[in-house]
Structures are given as C-alpha cells and as structure tokens.
Amino acid sequence: MFTALEVSQTLRKIRRQNPLIHNITNMVVTQFTANILLALGASPAMVNAEEEVEEFVQIAKALVINLGTINAPQAKAMQLASRTAHDHHIPWVLDPVGVGACTYRSRVAVELLANHPTTIRGNASEILALYALYTQQASHHSGHGVDSKDQPEQALEAAKKLALSCHAIVSISGKTDYITDGHQVIEIHNSHIMMTKVTGSGCSATAITAACLAVETDALAASAHAMALIGTAGDIAMQNTKGPGSLQIALLDALYLLNEDQLISQTNIKLQ
C-alpha cells in the first residue's frame, strides 16, 4: 500500500472516477484549491451555505473542512456537513488551520472532532496544539497562526496519540511528512521548502487527501498517497521555476501532467 506504484494507481483512480469533492474552505485559497483538484482529475465544489451543505455533502465523494477564515455561519455549516458526512459514511478531512492561536477557532476545531474526521491534516504546530486542546492541556502548547514553529518529528508522538484517541489518520506536513494511524507511520520525503511561500499549498494537500480518500478505502494509504502526490508534483514544479509566483502555476501544471514514470522515479515514500 505504500509504494510509488500504488500512489500512481490512486492517481489513476481519481482521473478515471472524477470524484466530487465538497470543500468548505477559506476565502484565501478557494480558487487555488478548486484549480488543484481540477488539475489532479477531481471535481471541486465550494458549497458553504448552511441551508444546503447537509444535502450537498450526500452527493459528494469526500468533504474538506478548512478553518482558515472561520466565521460563525461557516462554523455552523461545517458542523452540519461533517456530521452528515459521518452519518452517511462519507470520508472527510479536517484542516485545523491556526488552531491554538485563538480561542474561537480552537473551540470549533475540538467540537468538529466529535464528528469523527477520517483524516486530520495540518502542520506540526497545529497537530501539537490540537492534541493539547483535545486532551485539555492547552496551556502546554499554543498555536502560531498558520505557520509552524515546530518540526514534524516533534509532533509525531502527539499525532499518534491523537490518531488513536479520535480513530482517525493524522497527517503532518513539513520537510518530511508523517502520516499515522497511531500504530503505523508512513514517511514522505518529497516537496520543497519554497512550497511554504505559496499560499494554499497546505490547503491543497488537504483537498488532495480528500480526493484520495474518495477513491481509496484504506484511509492510511489514501492520506499517505496524497502527500506523495503533492510532494512529488512540487519537486517537479521546482525544476522550472525561480520563485513562488511561477511555482504556483508550475504546481498546477505538474499535477495535471503527473504520470506513473515520474512517480516511480521521484516519489520517496516508506513505511517507518
């Protein structure tokens, strides 16, 4: 389940099935997230109104919940959509952007955990803060906005415990990505530091995770494959870019053109 060939097979399924991915995400990355999913081969929908999210999520193949620019109406829509997704066995991904930095978003993030996300995907600081909040140890670790002040390795033990407590996959992005179900740990050694200079690269990883979950029933494999896909595409994109502006466009092109040969030769994925 954790080879470059299997990553390629997941990508092939996405392109063949064109899964509908329901995104309740932040205003900063809405267009880029939609374009990322289109380049990958999925079909994006950015439905936010609380009056229709329960109905819409039932026709989607996966759901993204991203706390980036959270407000009260959106928080209610997130609750309704994620609860409906859980009730109808539709996989969903929680991206707890900036959790720990402010009381309101921290409370919303912890409340959403009650709806049993399939995967929780964030940077090291977000995972550490979310675990501390979930276990009521918030004073031991506070968030740092949308950027990580911690290394992924520092969050791995918290990620394992959070995964076991929430019965979810936890995916930590960073120089090395770690994906765990609390028992197994998958490492992805791809991507480039300049990806952190492109707004929405982490949010894109969350959306790709949802797309992989839509076509792959093994949630650990799907979550790992997603990080391998965006990481490998980032490596390829960096070969022809000079800065973050051109990288954003090159990343879309790299995802769209990504093929089995590139994945097998460049993806660095392994079971720890």
Protein backbone atom coordinates (compact mmCIF):
# COMPACT_ATOMS: atom_id res chain seq x y z
CA MET A 1 0.00 0.00 0.00
CA PHE A 2 2.94 2.31 0.48
CA THR A 3 4.87 2.29 -2.78
CA ALA A 4 5.19 4.78 -5.61
CA LEU A 5 3.34 2.36 -7.89
CA GLU A 6 0.37 2.32 -5.54
CA VAL A 7 0.44 6.13 -5.40
CA SER A 8 0.21 6.06 -9.18
CA GLN A 9 -2.74 3.67 -9.03
CA THR A 10 -4.60 6.05 -6.70
CA LEU A 11 -3.97 8.92 -9.11
CA ARG A 12 -5.30 6.77 -11.96
CA LYS A 13 -8.49 6.09 -9.97
CA ILE A 14 -9.02 9.81 -9.35
CA ARG A 15 -8.65 10.61 -13.04
CA ARG A 16 -10.97 7.77 -14.03
CA GLN A 17 -13.67 8.38 -11.42
CA ASN A 18 -13.52 12.20 -11.28
CA PRO A 19 -14.84 12.26 -7.67
CA LEU A 20 -16.89 15.24 -6.48
CA ILE A 21 -15.12 16.88 -3.54
CA HIS A 22 -17.17 19.19 -1.31
CA ASN A 23 -14.98 21.97 0.12
CA ILE A 24 -15.87 24.27 2.99
CA THR A 25 -12.63 26.16 2.96
CA ASN A 26 -11.17 29.62 3.48
CA MET A 27 -11.58 32.63 1.25
CA VAL A 28 -7.83 33.00 0.67
CA VAL A 29 -7.46 29.67 -1.14
CA THR A 30 -10.86 28.89 -2.65
CA GLN A 31 -9.87 29.37 -6.29
CA PHE A 32 -6.45 27.74 -5.93
CA THR A 33 -7.95 24.73 -4.15
CA ALA A 34 -10.52 24.30 -6.91
CA ASN A 35 -7.81 24.52 -9.56
CA ILE A 36 -5.63 22.00 -7.70
CA LEU A 37 -8.48 19.48 -7.65
CA LEU A 38 -9.24 20.07 -11.32
CA ALA A 39 -5.57 19.60 -12.25
CA LEU A 40 -5.50 16.38 -10.24
CA GLY A 41 -8.55 15.00 -12.01
CA ALA A 42 -11.21 15.52 -9.32
CA SER A 43 -14.29 17.74 -9.42
CA PRO A 44 -14.42 20.59 -6.85
CA ALA A 45 -17.50 22.16 -5.30
CA MET A 46 -17.22 25.12 -2.91
CA VAL A 47 -20.58 24.96 -1.14
CA ASN A 48 -20.73 26.94 2.13
CA ALA A 49 -24.36 27.86 2.87
CA GLU A 50 -25.68 26.10 5.95
CA GLU A 51 -29.05 25.78 4.21
CA GLU A 52 -27.64 23.33 1.64
CA VAL A 53 -24.47 21.67 2.97
CA GLU A 54 -26.32 18.71 4.50
CA GLU A 55 -27.98 17.95 1.19
CA PHE A 56 -24.90 18.58 -0.92
CA VAL A 57 -22.43 16.53 1.08
CA GLN A 58 -24.58 13.45 0.49
CA ILE A 59 -23.87 13.59 -3.24
CA ALA A 60 -20.15 14.22 -2.76
CA LYS A 61 -17.50 11.51 -2.51
CA ALA A 62 -15.50 13.34 0.18
CA LEU A 63 -15.60 16.52 2.27
CA VAL A 64 -12.95 19.10 3.17
CA ILE A 65 -13.31 21.25 6.31
CA ASN A 66 -10.71 24.04 6.47
CA LEU A 67 -10.76 26.52 9.37
CA GLY A 68 -8.62 29.18 7.70
CA THR A 69 -11.01 32.17 7.69
CA ILE A 70 -13.66 30.76 10.01
CA ASN A 71 -16.77 32.74 10.96
CA ALA A 72 -19.94 31.81 12.84
CA PRO A 73 -22.17 30.92 9.84
CA GLN A 74 -19.36 28.88 8.30
CA ALA A 75 -18.71 27.10 11.60
CA LYS A 76 -22.37 26.03 11.70
CA ALA A 77 -22.15 24.82 8.10
CA MET A 78 -19.01 22.86 8.98
CA GLN A 79 -20.78 21.17 11.88
CA LEU A 80 -23.77 20.24 9.75
CA ALA A 81 -21.68 18.99 6.82
CA SER A 82 -19.21 16.96 8.85
CA ARG A 83 -21.95 15.37 10.95
CA THR A 84 -23.83 14.43 7.79
CA ALA A 85 -20.67 13.05 6.21
CA HIS A 86 -20.05 10.85 9.24
CA ASP A 87 -23.67 9.68 9.38
CA HIS A 88 -23.56 8.71 5.68
CA HIS A 89 -20.08 7.15 5.77
CA ILE A 90 -18.58 9.81 3.52
CA PRO A 91 -14.88 10.43 4.26
CA TRP A 92 -13.95 13.89 5.43
CA VAL A 93 -10.75 15.75 6.21
CA LEU A 94 -10.23 18.35 8.95
CA ASP A 95 -7.59 21.03 8.37
CA PRO A 96 -7.34 22.85 11.73
CA VAL A 97 -5.65 25.96 10.31
CA GLY A 98 -4.23 28.18 13.06
CA VAL A 99 -5.68 26.07 15.87
CA GLY A 100 -4.37 27.18 19.25
CA ALA A 101 -3.81 30.75 18.12
CA CYS A 102 -7.31 31.97 19.06
CA THR A 103 -9.96 30.67 21.45
CA TYR A 104 -12.82 30.61 18.94
CA ARG A 105 -11.17 28.56 16.20
CA SER A 106 -9.71 26.26 18.82
CA ARG A 107 -13.15 25.57 20.25
CA VAL A 108 -14.59 24.94 16.77
CA ALA A 109 -11.75 22.56 15.92
CA VAL A 110 -12.25 20.47 19.06
CA GLU A 111 -16.04 20.40 18.55
CA LEU A 112 -15.55 19.14 14.99
CA LEU A 113 -13.55 16.18 16.28
CA ALA A 114 -16.82 14.82 17.70
CA ASN A 115 -17.93 14.22 14.09
CA HIS A 116 -15.08 11.75 13.57
CA PRO A 117 -12.88 13.07 10.75
CA THR A 118 -11.37 10.38 8.58
CA THR A 119 -8.10 12.33 8.42
CA ILE A 120 -6.74 15.30 10.34
CA ARG A 121 -4.12 17.14 8.26
CA GLY A 122 -2.01 20.03 9.49
CA ASN A 123 1.47 21.29 10.19
CA ALA A 124 3.40 20.26 13.28
CA SER A 125 2.32 23.20 15.44
CA GLU A 126 -1.34 22.68 14.54
CA ILE A 127 -1.21 18.99 15.40
CA LEU A 128 0.54 19.68 18.71
CA ALA A 129 -1.95 22.41 19.60
CA LEU A 130 -4.98 20.33 18.60
CA TYR A 131 -3.80 17.39 20.67
CA ALA A 132 -3.19 19.66 23.67
CA LEU A 133 -6.65 21.18 23.33
CA TYR A 134 -8.33 17.82 22.84
CA THR A 135 -6.69 16.45 25.96
CA GLN A 136 -7.28 19.73 27.84
CA GLN A 137 -3.59 20.52 28.07
CA ALA A 138 -3.87 23.71 26.01
CA SER A 139 -1.59 25.65 28.34
CA HIS A 140 1.24 23.29 27.40
CA HIS A 141 1.23 24.26 23.75
CA SER A 142 -0.23 27.21 21.88
CA GLY A 143 -0.56 27.71 18.15
CA HIS A 144 1.43 30.00 15.90
CA GLY A 145 -1.04 31.26 13.33
CA VAL A 146 -0.90 29.42 10.02
CA ASP A 147 2.85 28.79 10.09
CA SER A 148 4.59 26.05 12.01
CA LYS A 149 7.20 26.86 14.64
CA ASP A 150 7.75 23.14 15.29
CA GLN A 151 9.32 20.36 13.26
CA PRO A 152 7.20 17.38 12.16
CA GLU A 153 9.30 14.99 14.23
CA GLN A 154 8.35 16.92 17.37
CA ALA A 155 4.65 16.35 16.68
CA LEU A 156 4.81 12.67 15.80
CA GLU A 157 4.05 11.26 19.26
CA ALA A 158 1.16 13.69 19.71
CA ALA A 159 -0.08 12.69 16.25
CA LYS A 160 -0.05 9.00 17.17
CA LYS A 161 -1.99 9.65 20.38
CA LEU A 162 -4.47 11.92 18.60
CA ALA A 163 -4.99 9.29 15.90
CA LEU A 164 -5.73 6.59 18.47
CA SER A 165 -8.00 8.84 20.54
CA CYS A 166 -10.02 10.07 17.56
CA HIS A 167 -9.85 6.86 15.50
CA ALA A 168 -8.52 8.98 12.65
CA ILE A 169 -5.50 9.24 10.42
CA VAL A 170 -3.23 12.16 11.32
CA SER A 171 -1.11 13.68 8.56
CA ILE A 172 1.70 16.10 9.47
CA SER A 173 3.22 18.20 6.71
CA GLY A 174 6.76 19.52 6.78
CA LYS A 175 10.23 18.86 5.40
CA THR A 176 9.33 15.22 5.96
CA ASP A 177 5.64 14.38 6.02
CA TYR A 178 4.45 11.86 8.59
CA ILE A 179 1.14 10.03 8.27
CA THR A 180 -0.04 7.76 11.08
CA ASP A 181 -3.00 5.75 12.33
CA GLY A 182 -1.41 5.61 15.78
CA HIS A 183 0.36 2.33 15.04
CA GLN A 184 1.97 2.57 11.62
CA VAL A 185 3.90 5.63 10.44
CA ILE A 186 4.45 6.50 6.78
CA GLU A 187 7.16 8.95 5.76
CA ILE A 188 7.15 11.08 2.61
CA HIS A 189 10.46 12.66 1.66
CA ASN A 190 9.38 14.92 -1.18
CA SER A 191 8.34 18.58 -1.67
CA HIS A 192 10.46 21.73 -1.50
CA ILE A 193 10.88 24.47 1.10
CA MET A 194 9.60 27.07 -1.37
CA MET A 195 6.17 25.42 -1.21
CA THR A 196 5.77 27.19 2.14
CA LYS A 197 5.92 30.50 0.24
CA VAL A 198 2.86 29.63 -1.84
CA THR A 199 -0.41 30.49 -0.09
CA GLY A 200 -2.65 27.46 -0.04
CA SER A 201 -0.08 24.71 -0.55
CA GLY A 202 -1.07 23.09 2.75
CA CYS A 203 -4.76 23.58 1.98
CA SER A 204 -4.10 21.93 -1.38
CA ALA A 205 -2.63 18.92 0.39
CA THR A 206 -5.85 18.68 2.41
CA ALA A 207 -8.01 18.81 -0.73
CA ILE A 208 -5.86 16.15 -2.42
CA THR A 209 -6.21 14.00 0.70
CA ALA A 210 -9.98 14.18 0.31
CA ALA A 211 -9.71 13.21 -3.35
CA CYS A 212 -7.58 10.19 -2.47
CA LEU A 213 -9.99 9.16 0.29
CA ALA A 214 -12.79 9.32 -2.27
CA VAL A 215 -11.24 6.52 -4.33
CA GLU A 216 -9.13 4.53 -1.83
CA THR A 217 -10.87 2.77 1.08
CA ASP A 218 -7.69 2.37 3.14
CA ALA A 219 -7.55 5.78 4.84
CA LEU A 220 -3.90 5.49 5.89
CA ALA A 221 -2.83 4.66 2.35
CA ALA A 222 -5.02 7.38 0.84
CA SER A 223 -3.67 10.03 3.21
CA ALA A 224 -0.08 8.99 2.51
CA HIS A 225 -0.65 8.86 -1.25
CA ALA A 226 -2.00 12.42 -1.15
CA MET A 227 1.15 13.80 0.46
CA ALA A 228 3.27 11.86 -2.02
CA LEU A 229 1.31 13.31 -4.94
CA ILE A 230 1.62 16.95 -3.93
CA GLY A 231 5.20 16.47 -2.75
CA THR A 232 6.34 14.87 -5.99
CA ALA A 233 4.48 17.44 -8.06
CA GLY A 234 6.19 20.16 -6.01
CA ASP A 235 9.60 18.66 -6.72
CA ILE A 236 8.86 18.53 -10.45
CA ALA A 237 7.45 22.07 -10.46
CA MET A 238 10.59 23.42 -8.82
CA GLN A 239 12.72 22.24 -11.73
CA ASN A 240 11.41 25.06 -13.94
CA THR A 241 10.61 27.88 -11.51
CA LYS A 242 12.53 30.75 -9.99
CA GLY A 243 10.19 31.83 -7.22
CA PRO A 244 6.83 31.33 -5.53
CA GLY A 245 4.84 33.15 -8.22
CA SER A 246 5.83 30.81 -11.01
CA LEU A 247 5.79 27.84 -8.61
CA GLN A 248 2.06 28.21 -8.06
CA ILE A 249 1.36 27.87 -11.77
CA ALA A 250 4.00 25.18 -12.25
CA LEU A 251 2.44 23.12 -9.45
CA LEU A 252 -0.90 23.06 -11.25
CA ASP A 253 0.82 22.01 -14.47
CA ALA A 254 2.90 19.35 -12.71
CA LEU A 255 -0.19 17.81 -11.10
CA TYR A 256 -2.05 17.81 -14.39
CA LEU A 257 0.86 16.15 -16.24
CA LEU A 258 1.95 13.82 -13.43
CA ASN A 259 2.44 10.25 -14.65
CA GLU A 260 3.44 6.83 -13.41
CA ASP A 261 7.04 7.06 -14.60
CA GLN A 262 7.58 10.33 -12.73
CA LEU A 263 6.04 8.96 -9.56
CA ILE A 264 8.06 5.74 -9.64
CA SER A 265 11.34 7.58 -10.29
CA GLN A 266 10.84 10.52 -7.91
CA THR A 267 8.41 9.63 -5.11
CA ASN A 268 10.13 8.82 -1.82
CA ILE A 269 7.56 7.02 0.35
CA LYS A 270 8.28 4.43 3.00
CA LEU A 271 6.81 2.63 5.98
CA GLN A 272 8.75 3.60 9.09
